[in-house]
Amino acid sequence: MKYLKHTLAIAALAAAALVAPAQEQSQSGAVMRRGAADRNKTVNDAGLTDRMQGFYNTDGKALSDADLQWMRVIYRNLDLEKEDANAPLYFPEEPVDGQENLFRIIMRLLADNKIPAYEYLDGREIFTDQYRIAVRDMLDRFYIIYQPAKGSTEKNPRFTIEEADVPANEVLSYFVIEKWVFDTRNNRLRPTVEAICPVLHRAGDFGGDAVKYPMFWIKYSDLRPYLAQQTIFVTDDNNLPTCTYDDFFNLTMYKGDIYKTRNLRNKSMAQMFPDPDDRKRAQDSIQSRLDNFESKLWTPTRDELLARAEAKDKAEAGNDSTQVSEDKPVKSARATRSTARRSKKKPAKVKESSASRSSSATRSVRRRK
């Protein structure tokens, strides 16, 4: 019996010796995996992981001055009432099944102090800490009801805003700053959204036309990681939210009139072209030059030249056939009139005989004898 107990103790010690390295290895592996997960889950002040922030951070990938060859800054007004293409930015008015419109997302992020906002300056956009707005002052300025959130401090102020108090139905337009850049690295001209400004449309106490109040500017690079997580409906033909807000802006699925371009005098289109017709022609001209910019940079290939010549020949042939078809009725009418004139012949004159002329003729009186 004593020998059996001694044997079992030795076996237990041997098993523990064999299991210990495996446990150490698994524990070390778990530590390594936990360390990698911790690195991915490191959260900054804005609530973004390092991985997410690095994925959407374009500051480190900015093009150098040597790569930039041309740039144009465009200001657009996105009307949510008149343009159906901009409807995904407004609907749904109330949160439904996890779907939120753009303004509610912006207000939630501002209330949680996750993104900065900057003052709207007429004619200037300065995105520095000097012009960063205080969320509390902004809420007081536009009469939005709020309460301090739990855990709010002076260094990290946070607010709670009820869904009914968010004026999402009054934000009926947005100002968007587009930057069109052509670089030699990619040999492409592509627009990117630089900043977004929600605009409140509020009528006075006595009615009348609504007055527009631009609220603040938000850099799109700060807003982009959150917009990439919110899916939206972009068409009534497909009832599945297949796109995100980030896709909506990057693919320029919105529509908006150009109300300003960056110029030396810092004037808007309304100031430069007071007449509405002249302003519309100038806007169309700017958009046409942007759309056709790339097509004028490169020499067309032989296949492209042959395709253009063939298309030109077909167009000319089509014009000729149309002209011939239009001329045919005229020629047929002329032929009909000429045939009618030829058919109207005068009746043939019957030549009288000499006998009949002599019998019917009257003798001259002067030659009578």
Foldseek 3Di string as FASTA:
>chain_A
DVVVVVVVVVVVVVVCVVVVVVVVVVVVVVVVVVVVVCQQCDQDPLGHGPVLLVVLDCPVVDDDPQFFDDKWKFKWKFFCPPDLQNVQQQPPVADDPNADHDQVVVVQSVQQVNFWWFDDDQLDDDPDPVGTDRVVVLCVVVVQDWAFDPPADPVGTHIHGDSVRRVSVFQRIKMWMWMFTATPVVRDTFIATFKMWTWGFDADPVGDGTDIDTRTIGGCSSVVSVQQVHFTDRDPVDPDRPHTVNCCRRVVSTDTFTQAIDDDVSDTLCVVDVDPVVSVVVRVVVVVCSVCVSVPPDDDDPVVVVVVVVVVVVVVVVVVVVVVVVCVVVVVVVVVVVVVVVVPDDDDDDDDDPVVCVVPDDDDPVPDD
